[in-house]
């Protein structure tokens, strides 16, 4: 079975390609390399012994998307990762985010809606909940006005998919994930941000390796036990495995509705300072950091209620924060060696 993975050379995409190939799927990757590298293919091959098909393609080019599906008319399912994903950058450059994240989704769905049966996994985000009123966050929590244009692209994306599924053959699972971290235990693939990292863990590991002078902690006056923001950090391999399980659910016709939604997290919240201390423990390094003012678009806390994913999908996050941080550090050490 051939599966299309858009953004398949990115952080989560590449780990999902590995898990798909390990399960025997044939994978074709679309990636425009705007925030990734073709070198990632070598890591995927090193782990799995298989080379996925790779098409360098910008999903904002409607004709190119159409031609892709003419060429690959035997795609059984699509896992859609390709999107810009930095909250802070989206606040400063909203039009980039709306063009990249919404246009590409529309062009994909236009092609899938022509098929007799189409299976679609959407990379969504807990940002759709905004600052939820209750913790942990269930799938029934109200979708709120997002705090950033990035979050809004995920909310609007979910709405577009739901509207399309009502009137076409598209079946979809929307995976709302919390904070993916870590790297493959082989250290053959991992998070490889271009330029200054927008996410906490790669900034931590780059500071630990001396690439960055010090880490900025955005605010220590939040109403949390240590004053720093709380998030649910999930190991990227656990997250990747959930995508494969969700896809198999659609392929086997096990979905109970045309659109299903699952939170993917560990169910445990960790503060920024707790993540720093975890890194210091596994790396045996003291991390230089300073407290700076809050960052626009950040919420106080978000961690998942994972009961639905555990019970319905039969999936559960297995790795601890320390294990995730250790794998991230192993990856950082490899790419700096």
Protein backbone atom coordinates (compact mmCIF):
# COMPACT_ATOMS: atom_id res chain seq x y z
CA UNK A 1 0.00 0.00 0.00
CA UNK A 2 1.36 3.39 -0.99
CA UNK A 3 1.05 6.19 1.56
CA UNK A 4 1.76 9.86 0.85
CA UNK A 5 3.49 11.75 3.65
CA UNK A 6 3.62 15.50 3.05
CA UNK A 7 6.42 17.23 4.92
CA UNK A 8 7.95 13.78 5.23
CA UNK A 9 11.51 15.06 5.66
CA UNK A 10 10.53 17.25 8.60
CA UNK A 11 10.82 16.36 12.27
CA UNK A 12 7.59 14.44 12.87
CA UNK A 13 7.19 13.45 9.22
CA UNK A 14 10.53 11.67 8.99
CA UNK A 15 9.89 9.65 12.15
CA UNK A 16 6.46 8.68 10.80
CA UNK A 17 8.00 7.59 7.49
CA UNK A 18 10.28 5.27 9.48
CA UNK A 19 7.36 3.73 11.38
CA UNK A 20 5.32 3.32 8.17
CA UNK A 21 8.19 1.57 6.40
CA UNK A 22 8.76 -0.63 9.43
CA UNK A 23 5.10 -1.71 9.10
CA UNK A 24 5.58 -2.60 5.43
CA UNK A 25 4.00 0.42 3.75
CA UNK A 26 5.44 1.92 0.58
CA UNK A 27 5.98 5.62 1.27
CA UNK A 28 6.12 8.57 -1.08
CA UNK A 29 7.28 11.85 0.46
CA UNK A 30 6.40 15.35 -0.69
CA UNK A 31 8.58 18.08 0.79
CA UNK A 32 9.62 21.51 -0.51
CA UNK A 33 12.75 21.49 1.73
CA UNK A 34 11.85 24.95 3.08
CA UNK A 35 12.42 23.75 6.65
CA UNK A 36 14.12 20.40 6.11
CA UNK A 37 16.98 18.74 4.27
CA UNK A 38 17.26 16.00 1.67
CA UNK A 39 20.00 14.57 3.92
CA UNK A 40 17.19 13.24 6.15
CA UNK A 41 16.53 10.56 3.50
CA UNK A 42 19.88 8.98 4.38
CA UNK A 43 18.83 8.68 8.01
CA UNK A 44 15.51 7.07 7.06
CA UNK A 45 17.32 4.55 4.86
CA UNK A 46 19.93 3.84 7.55
CA UNK A 47 17.17 2.93 10.03
CA UNK A 48 14.78 1.01 7.77
CA UNK A 49 16.95 -0.27 4.92
CA UNK A 50 14.35 1.08 2.49
CA UNK A 51 14.39 4.20 0.34
CA UNK A 52 11.08 6.10 0.18
CA UNK A 53 10.06 7.81 -3.04
CA UNK A 54 10.81 11.52 -2.77
CA UNK A 55 9.16 14.32 -4.75
CA UNK A 56 10.43 17.86 -4.17
CA UNK A 57 7.25 19.84 -4.58
CA UNK A 58 5.58 23.00 -3.26
CA UNK A 59 2.00 22.16 -2.31
CA UNK A 60 1.00 25.77 -2.96
CA UNK A 61 1.42 25.04 -6.70
CA UNK A 62 -1.99 23.70 -7.68
CA UNK A 63 -0.91 22.25 -11.02
CA UNK A 64 2.02 20.40 -9.43
CA UNK A 65 -0.31 18.83 -6.85
CA UNK A 66 -2.70 17.75 -9.62
CA UNK A 67 0.16 16.24 -11.64
CA UNK A 68 1.45 14.39 -8.58
CA UNK A 69 -1.85 12.56 -8.11
CA UNK A 70 -1.98 11.71 -11.82
CA UNK A 71 1.47 10.16 -11.52
CA UNK A 72 0.76 8.47 -8.18
CA UNK A 73 -2.84 7.37 -8.73
CA UNK A 74 -2.46 4.42 -6.36
CA UNK A 75 -2.07 6.35 -3.09
CA UNK A 76 -4.17 4.64 -0.38
CA UNK A 77 -3.79 7.25 2.33
CA UNK A 78 -2.33 10.67 3.05
CA UNK A 79 -0.67 11.90 6.24
CA UNK A 80 -0.45 15.68 5.99
CA UNK A 81 2.35 17.31 8.00
CA UNK A 82 3.54 19.99 5.56
CA UNK A 83 2.97 23.34 7.27
CA UNK A 84 4.76 26.25 8.89
CA UNK A 85 4.61 25.71 12.63
CA UNK A 86 6.24 28.42 14.76
CA UNK A 87 3.81 30.34 16.99
CA UNK A 88 6.03 33.42 17.35
CA UNK A 89 6.84 33.64 13.63
CA UNK A 90 3.14 33.33 12.75
CA UNK A 91 2.32 36.37 14.90
CA UNK A 92 4.88 38.41 12.97
CA UNK A 93 4.08 37.03 9.52
CA UNK A 94 0.46 35.84 9.45
CA UNK A 95 0.03 35.89 5.66
CA UNK A 96 2.87 33.42 5.18
CA UNK A 97 1.11 31.02 7.54
CA UNK A 98 -2.33 31.39 5.96
CA UNK A 99 -0.94 30.91 2.45
CA UNK A 100 1.29 27.96 3.29
CA UNK A 101 -0.94 26.06 5.71
CA UNK A 102 -4.39 26.64 4.20
CA UNK A 103 -3.64 26.70 0.47
CA UNK A 104 -1.71 23.43 0.53
CA UNK A 105 -4.51 21.72 2.47
CA UNK A 106 -7.14 22.89 -0.03
CA UNK A 107 -5.19 21.68 -3.05
CA UNK A 108 -4.64 18.26 -1.46
CA UNK A 109 -8.31 17.87 -0.56
CA UNK A 110 -9.40 18.94 -4.05
CA UNK A 111 -7.48 15.97 -5.47
CA UNK A 112 -8.54 13.51 -2.76
CA UNK A 113 -12.21 14.43 -3.14
CA UNK A 114 -12.07 13.11 -6.71
CA UNK A 115 -11.30 9.60 -5.47
CA UNK A 116 -13.79 6.86 -4.69
CA UNK A 117 -12.28 6.48 -1.24
CA UNK A 118 -9.73 8.71 0.44
CA UNK A 119 -8.08 8.36 3.85
CA UNK A 120 -6.60 11.50 5.39
CA UNK A 121 -4.64 12.01 8.61
CA UNK A 122 -4.28 15.66 9.60
CA UNK A 123 -1.47 17.00 11.73
CA UNK A 124 -3.42 19.27 14.06
CA UNK A 125 -2.49 20.81 17.37
CA UNK A 126 -3.58 21.43 20.93
CA UNK A 127 -3.37 25.13 20.03
CA UNK A 128 -7.00 24.82 18.85
CA UNK A 129 -8.04 24.67 22.51
CA UNK A 130 -6.43 28.04 23.27
CA UNK A 131 -6.09 28.41 27.02
CA UNK A 132 -8.46 25.61 28.02
CA UNK A 133 -10.43 26.18 31.19
CA UNK A 134 -9.87 22.67 32.58
CA UNK A 135 -6.82 20.40 32.76
CA UNK A 136 -6.17 17.83 31.46
CA UNK A 137 -7.71 18.73 28.09
CA UNK A 138 -10.23 16.30 26.57
CA UNK A 139 -11.33 16.18 22.94
CA UNK A 140 -14.67 17.63 24.09
CA UNK A 141 -13.03 20.83 25.36
CA UNK A 142 -14.31 23.85 23.43
CA UNK A 143 -12.26 24.95 20.46
CA UNK A 144 -11.45 28.56 21.31
CA UNK A 145 -10.28 31.58 19.42
CA UNK A 146 -6.62 30.72 18.81
CA UNK A 147 -3.87 32.82 20.37
CA UNK A 148 -1.82 32.93 17.16
CA UNK A 149 -2.23 32.78 13.36
CA UNK A 150 -0.49 29.36 13.47
CA UNK A 151 -3.17 28.07 15.86
CA UNK A 152 -5.85 29.58 13.64
CA UNK A 153 -4.56 27.70 10.59
CA UNK A 154 -5.03 24.44 12.50
CA UNK A 155 -8.54 25.42 13.63
CA UNK A 156 -9.56 26.52 10.11
CA UNK A 157 -7.87 23.45 8.64
CA UNK A 158 -9.96 21.16 10.84
CA UNK A 159 -13.12 23.02 9.76
CA UNK A 160 -12.22 22.70 6.06
CA UNK A 161 -11.59 18.95 6.39
CA UNK A 162 -14.87 18.45 8.27
CA UNK A 163 -16.85 20.34 5.62
CA UNK A 164 -15.20 18.39 2.79
CA UNK A 165 -15.77 15.01 4.49
CA UNK A 166 -19.51 15.68 4.71
CA UNK A 167 -19.91 15.83 0.95
CA UNK A 168 -17.08 13.64 -0.43
CA UNK A 169 -15.51 10.21 0.01
CA UNK A 170 -12.84 11.62 2.33
CA UNK A 171 -12.53 9.97 5.76
CA UNK A 172 -10.24 11.78 8.16
CA UNK A 173 -8.65 11.56 11.58
CA UNK A 174 -7.56 14.83 13.16
CA UNK A 175 -4.64 14.30 15.54
CA UNK A 176 -4.28 17.13 18.01
CA UNK A 177 -0.83 16.84 19.42
CA UNK A 178 0.82 18.53 22.23
CA UNK A 179 4.62 19.12 22.23
CA UNK A 180 6.71 16.62 20.24
CA UNK A 181 10.32 16.30 21.40
CA UNK A 182 13.25 13.91 21.22
CA UNK A 183 14.77 11.97 18.35
CA UNK A 184 14.99 8.44 17.00
CA UNK A 185 17.02 6.27 19.42
CA UNK A 186 19.45 5.48 16.59
CA UNK A 187 20.28 9.23 16.34
CA UNK A 188 19.96 8.86 12.55
CA UNK A 189 17.10 11.41 12.44
CA UNK A 190 15.89 14.11 14.80
CA UNK A 191 14.74 17.72 15.00
CA UNK A 192 16.81 19.88 12.65
CA UNK A 193 15.56 23.48 12.79
CA UNK A 194 16.92 25.86 10.19
CA UNK A 195 18.20 29.05 11.81
CA UNK A 196 17.30 29.94 15.40
CA UNK A 197 15.03 27.25 16.91
CA UNK A 198 11.46 28.33 17.66
CA UNK A 199 10.84 25.38 19.99
CA UNK A 200 12.17 24.84 23.51
CA UNK A 201 14.02 21.53 23.30
CA UNK A 202 16.25 22.20 20.26
CA UNK A 203 17.13 25.56 21.81
CA UNK A 204 18.07 23.72 25.00
CA UNK A 205 20.24 21.17 23.19
CA UNK A 206 21.87 23.84 21.04
CA UNK A 207 22.65 25.84 24.19
CA UNK A 208 24.04 22.68 25.79
CA UNK A 209 26.33 22.12 22.81
CA UNK A 210 27.50 25.75 22.75
CA UNK A 211 25.74 26.79 19.52
CA UNK A 212 23.61 29.24 21.53
CA UNK A 213 25.02 31.36 24.34
CA UNK A 214 22.06 30.95 26.68
CA UNK A 215 18.42 29.97 26.78
CA UNK A 216 15.66 32.53 27.27
CA UNK A 217 12.80 31.44 29.53
CA UNK A 218 9.77 33.52 28.56
CA UNK A 219 8.24 34.54 31.87
CA UNK A 220 8.41 33.12 35.40
CA UNK A 221 5.27 34.84 36.67
CA UNK A 222 2.63 32.45 35.33
CA UNK A 223 0.17 30.93 37.84
CA UNK A 224 2.03 27.58 37.89
CA UNK A 225 4.07 25.91 40.67
CA UNK A 226 7.40 27.36 39.49
CA UNK A 227 6.02 30.31 37.48
CA UNK A 228 6.94 28.93 34.04
CA UNK A 229 4.62 27.63 31.33
CA UNK A 230 3.50 24.01 31.44
CA UNK A 231 3.26 21.78 28.37
CA UNK A 232 2.80 18.09 27.58
CA UNK A 233 6.06 16.86 26.00
CA UNK A 234 5.63 13.67 23.95
CA UNK A 235 8.44 11.64 22.44
CA UNK A 236 8.34 11.96 18.65
CA UNK A 237 8.60 8.17 18.13
CA UNK A 238 5.50 7.62 20.28
CA UNK A 239 3.76 10.30 18.22
CA UNK A 240 4.85 8.74 14.92
CA UNK A 241 3.49 5.34 15.97
CA UNK A 242 0.11 6.93 16.70
CA UNK A 243 -0.09 8.16 13.09
CA UNK A 244 0.43 4.64 11.77
CA UNK A 245 -2.25 3.25 14.09
CA UNK A 246 -4.68 6.02 13.06
CA UNK A 247 -4.00 5.36 9.38
CA UNK A 248 -4.57 1.62 9.81
CA UNK A 249 -7.88 2.43 11.51
CA UNK A 250 -9.05 4.25 8.38
CA UNK A 251 -7.63 1.70 5.94
CA UNK A 252 -9.41 -1.11 7.81
CA UNK A 253 -12.68 0.82 7.98
CA UNK A 254 -12.67 0.80 11.79
CA UNK A 255 -13.53 4.51 12.08
CA UNK A 256 -16.99 5.09 13.53
CA UNK A 257 -17.43 8.51 11.95
CA UNK A 258 -16.22 10.32 8.84
CA UNK A 259 -14.20 12.62 11.09
CA UNK A 260 -12.55 11.40 14.28
CA UNK A 261 -10.46 13.47 16.67
CA UNK A 262 -7.77 12.30 19.10
CA UNK A 263 -5.45 14.10 21.50
CA UNK A 264 -1.88 12.82 21.43
CA UNK A 265 0.17 13.52 24.52
CA UNK A 266 1.48 11.84 27.65
CA UNK A 267 -1.21 13.15 29.99
CA UNK A 268 1.46 14.83 32.13
CA UNK A 269 2.38 18.50 32.18
CA UNK A 270 5.98 19.62 32.61
CA UNK A 271 7.13 23.19 33.20
CA UNK A 272 9.89 24.88 31.24
CA UNK A 273 12.17 24.67 34.28
CA UNK A 274 11.39 20.97 34.70
CA UNK A 275 12.42 20.37 31.06
CA UNK A 276 15.67 22.28 31.69
CA UNK A 277 16.36 20.21 34.82
CA UNK A 278 15.61 16.98 32.91
CA UNK A 279 18.17 17.99 30.27
CA UNK A 280 20.74 18.82 32.95
CA UNK A 281 20.20 15.41 34.52
CA UNK A 282 20.56 13.32 31.34
CA UNK A 283 23.42 15.40 29.86
CA UNK A 284 25.30 16.06 33.10
CA UNK A 285 25.59 19.70 31.98
CA UNK A 286 24.59 22.95 33.68
CA UNK A 287 22.45 24.94 31.26
CA UNK A 288 22.87 28.75 31.13
CA UNK A 289 19.47 30.44 31.00
CA UNK A 290 17.85 33.77 31.88
CA UNK A 291 14.29 34.81 32.62
CA UNK A 292 12.92 37.28 30.05
CA UNK A 293 9.44 38.84 29.57
CA UNK A 294 6.53 36.69 28.44
CA UNK A 295 6.18 35.93 24.73
CA UNK A 296 3.05 36.93 22.82
CA UNK A 297 0.86 33.98 21.89
CA UNK A 298 1.97 31.74 24.78
CA UNK A 299 -0.64 30.18 27.06
CA UNK A 300 -0.15 29.24 30.70
CA UNK A 301 -0.60 25.48 30.55
CA UNK A 302 -1.76 22.68 28.28
CA UNK A 303 -1.61 18.94 28.82
CA UNK A 304 -3.71 16.16 27.39
CA UNK A 305 -6.34 13.80 28.63
CA UNK A 306 -5.29 10.77 26.57
CA UNK A 307 -8.09 8.37 27.55
CA UNK A 308 -9.71 8.41 24.10
CA UNK A 309 -6.47 7.68 22.22
CA UNK A 310 -5.58 5.00 24.78
CA UNK A 311 -8.98 3.29 24.67
CA UNK A 312 -10.20 3.79 21.09
CA UNK A 313 -6.93 3.76 19.15
CA UNK A 314 -5.22 1.36 21.52
CA UNK A 315 -2.20 3.68 21.62
CA UNK A 316 -0.28 5.01 24.60
CA UNK A 317 2.82 7.17 24.93
CA UNK A 318 5.57 5.02 26.43
CA UNK A 319 8.67 7.22 26.78
CA UNK A 320 9.42 9.48 29.74
CA UNK A 321 10.55 13.10 29.54
CA UNK A 322 14.06 12.05 30.59
CA UNK A 323 14.17 9.47 27.78
CA UNK A 324 12.99 12.05 25.27
CA UNK A 325 15.57 14.59 26.44
CA UNK A 326 18.33 11.97 26.36
CA UNK A 327 17.48 11.08 22.75
CA UNK A 328 17.38 14.77 21.78
CA UNK A 329 20.81 15.27 23.34
CA UNK A 330 22.23 12.16 21.62
CA UNK A 331 21.01 13.57 18.29
CA UNK A 332 22.47 17.01 19.03
CA UNK A 333 25.84 15.50 19.93
CA UNK A 334 25.85 13.51 16.68
CA UNK A 335 25.13 16.46 14.40
CA UNK A 336 27.74 18.62 16.16
CA UNK A 337 30.47 15.96 16.10
